[in-house]
Protein backbone atom coordinates (compact mmCIF):
# COMPACT_ATOMS: atom_id res chain seq x y z
CA UNK A 1 -12.65 60.22 7.56
CA UNK A 2 -8.93 60.49 6.58
CA UNK A 3 -6.66 57.28 8.58
CA UNK A 4 -3.13 57.50 8.67
CA UNK A 5 -1.34 55.07 5.72
CA UNK A 6 1.15 52.46 7.92
CA UNK A 7 4.88 53.19 7.00
CA UNK A 8 7.45 50.62 6.85
CA UNK A 9 10.30 51.21 9.51
CA UNK A 10 13.03 53.24 7.99
CA UNK A 11 16.68 52.02 8.16
CA UNK A 12 17.69 54.18 11.49
CA UNK A 13 14.49 52.90 13.04
CA UNK A 14 14.96 49.26 12.82
CA UNK A 15 15.75 47.45 16.36
CA UNK A 16 18.91 46.10 15.45
CA UNK A 17 21.80 47.12 13.28
CA UNK A 18 22.95 44.88 10.41
CA UNK A 19 26.09 44.43 11.96
CA UNK A 20 24.50 42.62 15.16
CA UNK A 21 22.20 40.84 12.93
CA UNK A 22 25.04 39.42 10.97
CA UNK A 23 27.14 38.87 13.91
CA UNK A 24 24.55 36.64 15.77
CA UNK A 25 22.74 35.12 12.87
CA UNK A 26 23.05 31.16 12.51
CA UNK A 27 22.87 29.54 9.02
CA UNK A 28 19.96 27.03 8.66
CA UNK A 29 18.66 24.41 6.71
CA UNK A 30 15.41 22.27 6.59
CA UNK A 31 15.97 18.52 6.83
CA UNK A 32 13.91 16.83 4.61
CA UNK A 33 11.62 14.34 5.90
CA UNK A 34 8.93 12.29 4.14
CA UNK A 35 4.87 13.15 5.24
CA UNK A 36 4.40 9.77 6.87
CA UNK A 37 0.69 10.38 6.90
CA UNK A 38 0.90 10.56 3.24
CA UNK A 39 2.55 7.10 3.04
CA UNK A 40 -0.19 5.87 5.31
CA UNK A 41 -2.68 7.05 3.18
CA UNK A 42 -0.92 5.56 -0.17
CA UNK A 43 -0.49 1.79 1.84
CA UNK A 44 -4.35 2.33 2.97
CA UNK A 45 -5.46 2.97 -0.43
CA UNK A 46 -2.87 0.22 -2.57
CA UNK A 47 -4.38 -2.17 0.06
CA UNK A 48 -7.60 -1.29 -0.87
CA UNK A 49 -7.39 -2.09 -4.58
CA UNK A 50 -4.67 -4.73 -4.17
CA UNK A 51 -7.63 -6.33 -1.85
CA UNK A 52 -10.12 -5.97 -4.08
CA UNK A 53 -8.63 -7.63 -6.99
CA UNK A 54 -6.99 -10.67 -5.04
CA UNK A 55 -10.47 -10.78 -3.27
CA UNK A 56 -12.56 -11.65 -6.61
CA UNK A 57 -10.02 -13.56 -8.34
CA UNK A 58 -9.12 -15.94 -5.22
CA UNK A 59 -12.65 -16.93 -4.30
CA UNK A 60 -14.87 -19.02 -6.86
CA UNK A 61 -18.06 -17.72 -8.38
CA UNK A 62 -20.27 -20.31 -6.81
CA UNK A 63 -18.75 -19.76 -3.42
CA UNK A 64 -21.59 -19.10 -0.41
CA UNK A 65 -19.75 -16.27 1.27
CA UNK A 66 -17.94 -14.67 -1.40
CA UNK A 67 -18.72 -11.19 -0.32
CA UNK A 68 -17.08 -12.07 3.05
CA UNK A 69 -14.13 -13.76 1.81
CA UNK A 70 -13.84 -10.57 -0.33
CA UNK A 71 -13.74 -8.46 3.02
CA UNK A 72 -11.14 -10.62 4.48
CA UNK A 73 -9.12 -10.16 1.45
CA UNK A 74 -9.50 -6.17 1.73
CA UNK A 75 -8.80 -6.01 5.02
CA UNK A 76 -5.63 -8.41 5.36
CA UNK A 77 -4.16 -6.72 2.03
CA UNK A 78 -4.83 -3.19 3.60
CA UNK A 79 -3.05 -4.00 6.92
CA UNK A 80 -0.29 -5.36 4.99
CA UNK A 81 0.63 -2.31 2.86
CA UNK A 82 0.01 0.25 5.18
CA UNK A 83 2.38 -1.47 7.49
CA UNK A 84 4.76 -1.74 4.64
CA UNK A 85 4.30 1.76 3.90
CA UNK A 86 4.68 3.17 7.44
CA UNK A 87 7.77 0.92 7.79
CA UNK A 88 9.20 2.52 4.20
CA UNK A 89 8.48 6.03 6.03
CA UNK A 90 10.13 5.42 9.03
CA UNK A 91 12.82 4.05 7.35
CA UNK A 92 13.45 7.18 5.04
CA UNK A 93 12.79 9.67 8.10
CA UNK A 94 15.85 7.72 10.35
CA UNK A 95 17.75 7.82 6.36
CA UNK A 96 17.34 11.49 6.42
CA UNK A 97 18.15 12.42 10.20
CA UNK A 98 21.16 10.62 9.87
CA UNK A 99 21.71 12.56 6.48
CA UNK A 100 21.26 15.60 8.23
CA UNK A 101 23.80 14.82 11.44
CA UNK A 102 26.62 13.56 8.83
CA UNK A 103 26.19 16.54 6.01
CA UNK A 104 28.69 19.25 6.93
CA UNK A 105 27.09 22.87 7.88
CA UNK A 106 27.72 25.31 5.71
CA UNK A 107 29.96 26.93 8.16
CA UNK A 108 31.60 23.86 9.74
CA UNK A 109 31.63 20.60 10.98
CA UNK A 110 28.70 18.49 11.12
CA UNK A 111 25.81 19.45 13.39
CA UNK A 112 24.27 16.93 16.05
């Protein structure tokens, strides 16, 4: 069974002419924004590591509820580092929006 091969459109078959495309095209640019989820993930991991280390360092060896103290240190540090990471991501995102609004577009004044 012989199936016809798909062919790419020829220049005279294109829906719009090259002049039409040039007249209606707009130069675009990408705004470089931070990935907030990655910042939060890094904040969680850093909090877990720091909380574990601080929990072991700050609780005495013979303490009765040492495990509870370590868990509390882990939860506290994870909360703090996650909030700090989210704040940093939000700050960088706001800065990138401001920069995109103030930078001149390739073909004219700044875009809003």
